[in-house]
Amino acid sequence: MTERDTIPASGKAAYITEEVRRRIIEKEWRQGDRIPDEAALAAEFGVARATVNKALQLLADEGLLDRRRRAGTRVAVNPVRKATFSIPIVREQIEAAGKSYSHRLISQSRSPLPARRAEQLGLSPGEVLIHLRAVHYGDRQPFQLEDRWINPRAVPGIEEVDFHHLNANEWLVRNAPYLRAELTFSASNAGVRDARLLDTEPEQALLILNRTTWNDIGPITAVRLAFHPGYAMSATT
């Protein structure tokens, strides 16, 4: 069995991305070098050309590769890395603040996808996905309310995971590498349900984060995160 035979199907594009990035960083492929074409890389890694294309495009988006039609793909000269982000593990955020972490799974079911989420994910309305809601706590005080849809076709084995004991955020970060992500921030007044779960007043302004991720199979997950009032976010790139 070769190394590529051990790569999960859902992680092949992510594996190729990391391997190409390693070859650039370790100067196996130097600035200005033309790298093997998609057909050659597809044969090397035992995947479809479309999978290679997605992996290379991610590195081009980061600024590490220069892709030109008919001229092939080259390692960028004096690359300027574009801003990227990593999905945080909420448990680690809470523990880093010196608080004790816990979470409560409120509900988990296989449910038909609403039209709004279907459009966001590029799937058909009514397609059955995993829908769960959970609250994350710091020192037993609500920190974050999670409303998440997960596509089991993009994450083999997820239907066997017990999210009562391990939260979906952490499991997905560690087991479902993504190729691209979209996120938006907004403010919204708390409805009765959100207010109750976050232990605040109805109509209280909340910070809302919507995030969607994809791999080479399709959409992985779409999640709406509502934060307890007073939450502050900082970021570095």
C-alpha atoms as a PDB file:
ATOM      1  CA  MET A   1       0.000   0.000   0.000  1.00  0.00           C
ATOM      2  CA  THR A   2       1.399   3.431  -0.930  1.00  0.00           C
ATOM      3  CA  GLU A   3       1.104   6.577   1.194  1.00  0.00           C
ATOM      4  CA  ARG A   4      -1.553   8.027  -1.079  1.00  0.00           C
ATOM      5  CA  ASP A   5      -3.715   4.928  -0.595  1.00  0.00           C
ATOM      6  CA  THR A   6      -4.050   5.792   3.093  1.00  0.00           C
ATOM      7  CA  ILE A   7      -5.404   9.318   2.484  1.00  0.00           C
ATOM      8  CA  PRO A   8      -9.156   9.590   3.193  1.00  0.00           C
ATOM      9  CA  ALA A   9     -11.142  10.563   0.116  1.00  0.00           C
ATOM     10  CA  SER A  10     -12.526  13.640   1.897  1.00  0.00           C
ATOM     11  CA  GLY A  11      -9.012  14.864   2.705  1.00  0.00           C
ATOM     12  CA  LYS A  12      -7.143  14.328  -0.565  1.00  0.00           C
ATOM     13  CA  ALA A  13      -7.294  17.940  -1.742  1.00  0.00           C
ATOM     14  CA  ALA A  14      -6.201  19.158   1.688  1.00  0.00           C
ATOM     15  CA  TYR A  15      -3.330  16.632   1.667  1.00  0.00           C
ATOM     16  CA  ILE A  16      -2.175  17.823  -1.774  1.00  0.00           C
ATOM     17  CA  THR A  17      -2.347  21.441  -0.630  1.00  0.00           C
ATOM     18  CA  GLU A  18      -0.127  20.720   2.385  1.00  0.00           C
ATOM     19  CA  GLU A  19       2.327  18.601   0.350  1.00  0.00           C
ATOM     20  CA  VAL A  20       2.738  21.269  -2.341  1.00  0.00           C
ATOM     21  CA  ARG A  21       3.118  23.934   0.357  1.00  0.00           C
ATOM     22  CA  ARG A  22       5.821  21.780   2.014  1.00  0.00           C
ATOM     23  CA  ARG A  23       7.748  21.411  -1.254  1.00  0.00           C
ATOM     24  CA  ILE A  24       7.705  25.196  -1.693  1.00  0.00           C
ATOM     25  CA  ILE A  25       8.692  25.993   1.902  1.00  0.00           C
ATOM     26  CA  GLU A  26      11.493  23.407   1.882  1.00  0.00           C
ATOM     27  CA  LYS A  27      12.638  24.717  -1.524  1.00  0.00           C
ATOM     28  CA  GLU A  28      12.155  21.464  -3.403  1.00  0.00           C
ATOM     29  CA  TRP A  29      10.334  23.820  -5.782  1.00  0.00           C
ATOM     30  CA  ARG A  30      11.999  27.231  -5.836  1.00  0.00           C
ATOM     31  CA  GLN A  31      10.644  30.657  -6.650  1.00  0.00           C
ATOM     32  CA  GLY A  32       9.953  30.919 -10.369  1.00  0.00           C
ATOM     33  CA  ASP A  33      10.044  27.134 -10.929  1.00  0.00           C
ATOM     34  CA  ARG A  34       7.302  25.682 -13.069  1.00  0.00           C
ATOM     35  CA  ILE A  35       5.652  22.852 -11.138  1.00  0.00           C
ATOM     36  CA  PRO A  36       4.298  19.634 -12.710  1.00  0.00           C
ATOM     37  CA  ASP A  37       1.033  20.065 -14.564  1.00  0.00           C
ATOM     38  CA  GLU A  38      -2.319  18.964 -13.157  1.00  0.00           C
ATOM     39  CA  ALA A  39      -2.309  15.677 -15.069  1.00  0.00           C
ATOM     40  CA  ALA A  40       1.097  14.716 -13.669  1.00  0.00           C
ATOM     41  CA  LEU A  41       0.124  15.643 -10.117  1.00  0.00           C
ATOM     42  CA  ALA A  42      -3.172  13.799 -10.441  1.00  0.00           C
ATOM     43  CA  ALA A  43      -1.272  10.665 -11.463  1.00  0.00           C
ATOM     44  CA  GLU A  44       1.250  11.102  -8.622  1.00  0.00           C
ATOM     45  CA  PHE A  45      -1.437  11.451  -5.946  1.00  0.00           C
ATOM     46  CA  GLY A  46      -3.981   9.092  -7.490  1.00  0.00           C
ATOM     47  CA  VAL A  47      -6.788  11.647  -7.699  1.00  0.00           C
ATOM     48  CA  ALA A  48      -8.892  13.409 -10.307  1.00  0.00           C
ATOM     49  CA  ARG A  49      -7.501  16.527 -11.992  1.00  0.00           C
ATOM     50  CA  ALA A  50     -10.344  18.529 -10.453  1.00  0.00           C
ATOM     51  CA  THR A  51      -9.008  17.674  -6.982  1.00  0.00           C
ATOM     52  CA  VAL A  52      -5.532  18.887  -7.942  1.00  0.00           C
ATOM     53  CA  ASN A  53      -7.029  22.033  -9.443  1.00  0.00           C
ATOM     54  CA  LYS A  54      -8.799  22.888  -6.173  1.00  0.00           C
ATOM     55  CA  ALA A  55      -5.641  22.334  -4.148  1.00  0.00           C
ATOM     56  CA  LEU A  56      -3.488  24.484  -6.443  1.00  0.00           C
ATOM     57  CA  GLN A  57      -6.094  27.231  -6.588  1.00  0.00           C
ATOM     58  CA  LEU A  58      -6.095  27.473  -2.801  1.00  0.00           C
ATOM     59  CA  LEU A  59      -2.318  28.012  -2.846  1.00  0.00           C
ATOM     60  CA  ALA A  60      -2.700  30.564  -5.638  1.00  0.00           C
ATOM     61  CA  ASP A  61      -5.269  32.380  -3.507  1.00  0.00           C
ATOM     62  CA  GLU A  62      -2.710  32.407  -0.674  1.00  0.00           C
ATOM     63  CA  GLY A  63      -0.164  33.953  -3.035  1.00  0.00           C
ATOM     64  CA  LEU A  64       2.251  30.990  -3.121  1.00  0.00           C
ATOM     65  CA  LEU A  65       1.563  29.987  -6.724  1.00  0.00           C
ATOM     66  CA  ASP A  66       1.240  31.993  -9.930  1.00  0.00           C
ATOM     67  CA  ARG A  67      -1.233  30.329 -12.315  1.00  0.00           C
ATOM     68  CA  ARG A  68      -1.464  31.520 -15.907  1.00  0.00           C
ATOM     69  CA  ARG A  69      -3.429  30.007 -18.751  1.00  0.00           C
ATOM     70  CA  ARG A  70      -1.159  28.300 -21.298  1.00  0.00           C
ATOM     71  CA  ALA A  71       1.922  29.225 -19.224  1.00  0.00           C
ATOM     72  CA  GLY A  72       1.351  26.649 -16.503  1.00  0.00           C
ATOM     73  CA  THR A  73       1.734  27.067 -12.756  1.00  0.00           C
ATOM     74  CA  ARG A  74       4.891  28.460 -11.176  1.00  0.00           C
ATOM     75  CA  VAL A  75       6.041  29.083  -7.633  1.00  0.00           C
ATOM     76  CA  ALA A  76       5.450  32.782  -7.021  1.00  0.00           C
ATOM     77  CA  VAL A  77       8.476  35.062  -6.955  1.00  0.00           C
ATOM     78  CA  ASN A  78       8.674  37.036  -3.691  1.00  0.00           C
ATOM     79  CA  PRO A  79       5.235  35.747  -2.670  1.00  0.00           C
ATOM     80  CA  VAL A  80       3.033  37.937  -0.541  1.00  0.00           C
ATOM     81  CA  ARG A  81       0.849  35.699   1.591  1.00  0.00           C
ATOM     82  CA  LYS A  82      -2.758  36.780   1.592  1.00  0.00           C
ATOM     83  CA  ALA A  83      -4.699  36.874   4.821  1.00  0.00           C
ATOM     84  CA  THR A  84      -6.150  33.509   5.793  1.00  0.00           C
ATOM     85  CA  PHE A  85      -7.883  32.370   8.935  1.00  0.00           C
ATOM     86  CA  SER A  86      -8.037  29.261  11.045  1.00  0.00           C
ATOM     87  CA  ILE A  87     -11.267  28.112  12.619  1.00  0.00           C
ATOM     88  CA  PRO A  88     -10.860  28.445  16.394  1.00  0.00           C
ATOM     89  CA  ILE A  89     -11.691  25.636  18.796  1.00  0.00           C
ATOM     90  CA  VAL A  90     -14.148  27.180  21.226  1.00  0.00           C
ATOM     91  CA  ARG A  91     -12.975  25.018  24.131  1.00  0.00           C
ATOM     92  CA  GLU A  92      -9.449  26.386  23.719  1.00  0.00           C
ATOM     93  CA  GLN A  93     -10.752  29.965  23.542  1.00  0.00           C
ATOM     94  CA  ILE A  94     -12.599  29.549  26.821  1.00  0.00           C
ATOM     95  CA  GLU A  95      -9.740  27.772  28.578  1.00  0.00           C
ATOM     96  CA  ALA A  96      -7.270  30.419  27.357  1.00  0.00           C
ATOM     97  CA  ALA A  97      -9.411  32.970  29.192  1.00  0.00           C
ATOM     98  CA  GLY A  98      -8.830  30.997  32.404  1.00  0.00           C
ATOM     99  CA  LYS A  99     -12.326  29.535  32.527  1.00  0.00           C
ATOM    100  CA  SER A 100     -13.594  25.994  32.859  1.00  0.00           C
ATOM    101  CA  TYR A 101     -15.165  24.733  29.609  1.00  0.00           C
ATOM    102  CA  SER A 102     -18.351  22.709  29.249  1.00  0.00           C
ATOM    103  CA  HIS A 103     -21.009  22.313  26.597  1.00  0.00           C
ATOM    104  CA  ARG A 104     -24.551  21.051  26.284  1.00  0.00           C
ATOM    105  CA  LEU A 105     -26.030  19.424  23.201  1.00  0.00           C
ATOM    106  CA  ILE A 106     -29.589  20.695  22.980  1.00  0.00           C
ATOM    107  CA  SER A 107     -30.738  18.723  19.947  1.00  0.00           C
ATOM    108  CA  GLN A 108     -29.411  16.569  17.105  1.00  0.00           C
ATOM    109  CA  SER A 109     -31.454  15.183  14.247  1.00  0.00           C
ATOM    110  CA  ARG A 110     -31.484  14.307  10.563  1.00  0.00           C
ATOM    111  CA  SER A 111     -33.592  17.088   9.109  1.00  0.00           C
ATOM    112  CA  PRO A 112     -34.567  18.479   5.676  1.00  0.00           C
ATOM    113  CA  LEU A 113     -32.500  21.499   4.697  1.00  0.00           C
ATOM    114  CA  PRO A 114     -34.382  24.825   4.676  1.00  0.00           C
ATOM    115  CA  ALA A 115     -34.299  26.825   1.437  1.00  0.00           C
ATOM    116  CA  ARG A 116     -32.072  29.577   2.869  1.00  0.00           C
ATOM    117  CA  ARG A 117     -29.424  27.122   4.040  1.00  0.00           C
ATOM    118  CA  ALA A 118     -29.720  25.104   0.830  1.00  0.00           C
ATOM    119  CA  GLU A 119     -28.916  28.199  -1.232  1.00  0.00           C
ATOM    120  CA  GLN A 120     -25.971  28.994   1.034  1.00  0.00           C
ATOM    121  CA  LEU A 121     -24.562  25.475   0.672  1.00  0.00           C
ATOM    122  CA  GLY A 122     -25.406  24.951  -2.996  1.00  0.00           C
ATOM    123  CA  LEU A 123     -27.602  21.952  -2.180  1.00  0.00           C
ATOM    124  CA  SER A 124     -31.224  21.128  -2.940  1.00  0.00           C
ATOM    125  CA  PRO A 125     -33.901  22.318  -0.499  1.00  0.00           C
ATOM    126  CA  GLY A 126     -35.200  19.398   1.505  1.00  0.00           C
ATOM    127  CA  GLU A 127     -31.973  17.396   1.281  1.00  0.00           C
ATOM    128  CA  VAL A 128     -31.455  15.613   4.597  1.00  0.00           C
ATOM    129  CA  LEU A 129     -28.493  16.797   6.680  1.00  0.00           C
ATOM    130  CA  ILE A 130     -27.487  16.574  10.334  1.00  0.00           C
ATOM    131  CA  HIS A 131     -28.879  19.509  12.306  1.00  0.00           C
ATOM    132  CA  LEU A 132     -27.688  20.204  15.818  1.00  0.00           C
ATOM    133  CA  ARG A 133     -27.845  22.974  18.378  1.00  0.00           C
ATOM    134  CA  ALA A 134     -25.532  23.363  21.363  1.00  0.00           C
ATOM    135  CA  VAL A 135     -24.440  25.880  23.977  1.00  0.00           C
ATOM    136  CA  HIS A 136     -20.800  26.361  25.030  1.00  0.00           C
ATOM    137  CA  TYR A 137     -20.076  27.553  28.567  1.00  0.00           C
ATOM    138  CA  GLY A 138     -17.196  29.206  30.449  1.00  0.00           C
ATOM    139  CA  ASP A 139     -17.380  28.687  34.206  1.00  0.00           C
ATOM    140  CA  ARG A 140     -20.953  27.493  33.620  1.00  0.00           C
ATOM    141  CA  GLN A 141     -21.948  30.812  32.067  1.00  0.00           C
ATOM    142  CA  PRO A 142     -23.202  30.795  28.444  1.00  0.00           C
ATOM    143  CA  PHE A 143     -20.501  31.847  25.993  1.00  0.00           C
ATOM    144  CA  GLN A 144     -21.738  30.828  22.556  1.00  0.00           C
ATOM    145  CA  LEU A 145     -24.887  29.371  21.011  1.00  0.00           C
ATOM    146  CA  GLU A 146     -24.284  27.098  18.011  1.00  0.00           C
ATOM    147  CA  ASP A 147     -26.844  26.215  15.331  1.00  0.00           C
ATOM    148  CA  ARG A 148     -25.156  23.902  12.814  1.00  0.00           C
ATOM    149  CA  TRP A 149     -25.965  21.911   9.659  1.00  0.00           C
ATOM    150  CA  ILE A 150     -23.510  19.152   8.661  1.00  0.00           C
ATOM    151  CA  ASN A 151     -23.381  17.381   5.298  1.00  0.00           C
ATOM    152  CA  PRO A 152     -22.616  13.686   6.052  1.00  0.00           C
ATOM    153  CA  ARG A 153     -21.671  13.011   2.417  1.00  0.00           C
ATOM    154  CA  ALA A 154     -18.693  15.354   2.795  1.00  0.00           C
ATOM    155  CA  VAL A 155     -17.680  13.946   6.196  1.00  0.00           C
ATOM    156  CA  PRO A 156     -17.739  10.114   6.168  1.00  0.00           C
ATOM    157  CA  GLY A 157     -18.251   8.594   9.608  1.00  0.00           C
ATOM    158  CA  ILE A 158     -19.717  11.648  11.247  1.00  0.00           C
ATOM    159  CA  GLU A 159     -23.085  10.008  11.859  1.00  0.00           C
ATOM    160  CA  GLU A 160     -21.413   7.671  14.369  1.00  0.00           C
ATOM    161  CA  VAL A 161     -19.975  10.529  16.459  1.00  0.00           C
ATOM    162  CA  ASP A 162     -21.536  11.164  19.879  1.00  0.00           C
ATOM    163  CA  PHE A 163     -21.684  14.943  20.177  1.00  0.00           C
ATOM    164  CA  HIS A 164     -22.857  14.754  23.760  1.00  0.00           C
ATOM    165  CA  HIS A 165     -19.239  14.123  24.774  1.00  0.00           C
ATOM    166  CA  LEU A 166     -17.243  15.969  22.087  1.00  0.00           C
ATOM    167  CA  ASN A 167     -18.530  19.186  20.567  1.00  0.00           C
ATOM    168  CA  ALA A 168     -19.019  19.396  16.801  1.00  0.00           C
ATOM    169  CA  ASN A 169     -16.749  22.426  16.445  1.00  0.00           C
ATOM    170  CA  GLU A 170     -13.710  20.591  17.799  1.00  0.00           C
ATOM    171  CA  TRP A 171     -14.443  17.308  16.004  1.00  0.00           C
ATOM    172  CA  LEU A 172     -14.806  19.029  12.631  1.00  0.00           C
ATOM    173  CA  VAL A 173     -11.675  21.172  13.029  1.00  0.00           C
ATOM    174  CA  ARG A 174      -9.632  18.053  13.813  1.00  0.00           C
ATOM    175  CA  ASN A 175     -11.232  15.595  11.380  1.00  0.00           C
ATOM    176  CA  ALA A 176     -12.706  17.510   8.414  1.00  0.00           C
ATOM    177  CA  PRO A 177     -10.074  19.741   6.758  1.00  0.00           C
ATOM    178  CA  TYR A 178     -11.592  22.380   4.511  1.00  0.00           C
ATOM    179  CA  LEU A 179     -10.436  23.871   1.216  1.00  0.00           C
ATOM    180  CA  ARG A 180     -12.314  27.136   1.453  1.00  0.00           C
ATOM    181  CA  ALA A 181     -14.543  28.982   3.846  1.00  0.00           C
ATOM    182  CA  GLU A 182     -16.879  31.943   3.910  1.00  0.00           C
ATOM    183  CA  LEU A 183     -17.837  33.908   6.989  1.00  0.00           C
ATOM    184  CA  THR A 184     -19.933  36.950   7.744  1.00  0.00           C
ATOM    185  CA  PHE A 185     -20.488  38.971  10.904  1.00  0.00           C
ATOM    186  CA  SER A 186     -23.657  40.789  11.809  1.00  0.00           C
ATOM    187  CA  ALA A 187     -25.632  42.039  14.776  1.00  0.00           C
ATOM    188  CA  SER A 188     -29.085  40.776  15.685  1.00  0.00           C
ATOM    189  CA  ASN A 189     -31.485  41.279  18.554  1.00  0.00           C
ATOM    190  CA  ALA A 190     -31.959  38.149  20.622  1.00  0.00           C
ATOM    191  CA  GLY A 191     -35.207  36.293  20.127  1.00  0.00           C
ATOM    192  CA  VAL A 192     -36.892  34.557  23.016  1.00  0.00           C
ATOM    193  CA  ARG A 193     -35.117  31.225  22.414  1.00  0.00           C
ATOM    194  CA  ASP A 194     -31.637  32.730  21.963  1.00  0.00           C
ATOM    195  CA  ALA A 195     -32.122  34.960  25.004  1.00  0.00           C
ATOM    196  CA  ARG A 196     -33.109  31.986  27.160  1.00  0.00           C
ATOM    197  CA  LEU A 197     -30.177  29.829  26.058  1.00  0.00           C
ATOM    198  CA  LEU A 198     -27.652  32.669  26.408  1.00  0.00           C
ATOM    199  CA  ASP A 199     -29.126  33.811  29.721  1.00  0.00           C
ATOM    200  CA  THR A 200     -29.820  37.341  28.550  1.00  0.00           C
ATOM    201  CA  GLU A 201     -32.829  39.556  27.797  1.00  0.00           C
ATOM    202  CA  PRO A 202     -34.976  39.349  24.641  1.00  0.00           C
ATOM    203  CA  GLU A 203     -34.063  42.104  22.166  1.00  0.00           C
ATOM    204  CA  GLN A 204     -30.526  42.272  23.579  1.00  0.00           C
ATOM    205  CA  ALA A 205     -28.062  42.958  20.722  1.00  0.00           C
ATOM    206  CA  LEU A 206     -25.923  39.901  19.903  1.00  0.00           C
ATOM    207  CA  LEU A 207     -22.870  39.401  17.721  1.00  0.00           C
ATOM    208  CA  ILE A 208     -23.670  36.761  15.069  1.00  0.00           C
ATOM    209  CA  LEU A 209     -21.131  34.836  13.008  1.00  0.00           C
ATOM    210  CA  ASN A 210     -22.213  32.709  10.029  1.00  0.00           C
ATOM    211  CA  ARG A 211     -19.529  30.374   8.646  1.00  0.00           C
ATOM    212  CA  THR A 212     -19.598  27.813   5.829  1.00  0.00           C
ATOM    213  CA  THR A 213     -16.805  25.438   4.807  1.00  0.00           C
ATOM    214  CA  TRP A 214     -16.230  23.177   1.787  1.00  0.00           C
ATOM    215  CA  ASN A 215     -13.899  20.321   0.856  1.00  0.00           C
ATOM    216  CA  ASP A 216     -13.334  18.531  -2.454  1.00  0.00           C
ATOM    217  CA  ILE A 217     -16.607  16.615  -2.067  1.00  0.00           C
ATOM    218  CA  GLY A 218     -18.834  19.596  -1.353  1.00  0.00           C
ATOM    219  CA  PRO A 219     -20.093  21.682   1.554  1.00  0.00           C
ATOM    220  CA  ILE A 220     -19.021  20.402   4.972  1.00  0.00           C
ATOM    221  CA  THR A 221     -20.998  22.533   7.390  1.00  0.00           C
ATOM    222  CA  ALA A 222     -22.863  25.799   7.824  1.00  0.00           C
ATOM    223  CA  VAL A 223     -23.039  27.203  11.335  1.00  0.00           C
ATOM    224  CA  ARG A 224     -24.630  30.215  12.987  1.00  0.00           C
ATOM    225  CA  LEU A 225     -22.874  31.297  16.184  1.00  0.00           C
ATOM    226  CA  ALA A 226     -24.543  33.737  18.561  1.00  0.00           C
ATOM    227  CA  PHE A 227     -22.262  35.154  21.250  1.00  0.00           C
ATOM    228  CA  HIS A 228     -23.187  36.208  24.762  1.00  0.00           C
ATOM    229  CA  PRO A 229     -23.369  40.022  25.152  1.00  0.00           C
ATOM    230  CA  GLY A 230     -19.990  41.507  25.921  1.00  0.00           C
ATOM    231  CA  TYR A 231     -18.015  39.115  23.718  1.00  0.00           C
ATOM    232  CA  ALA A 232     -14.971  40.783  22.147  1.00  0.00           C
ATOM    233  CA  MET A 233     -12.984  39.420  19.191  1.00  0.00           C
ATOM    234  CA  SER A 234      -9.399  40.110  18.195  1.00  0.00           C
ATOM    235  CA  ALA A 235      -7.465  38.726  15.246  1.00  0.00           C
ATOM    236  CA  THR A 236      -3.941  38.792  13.823  1.00  0.00           C
ATOM    237  CA  THR A 237      -2.714  37.889  10.360  1.00  0.00           C
END
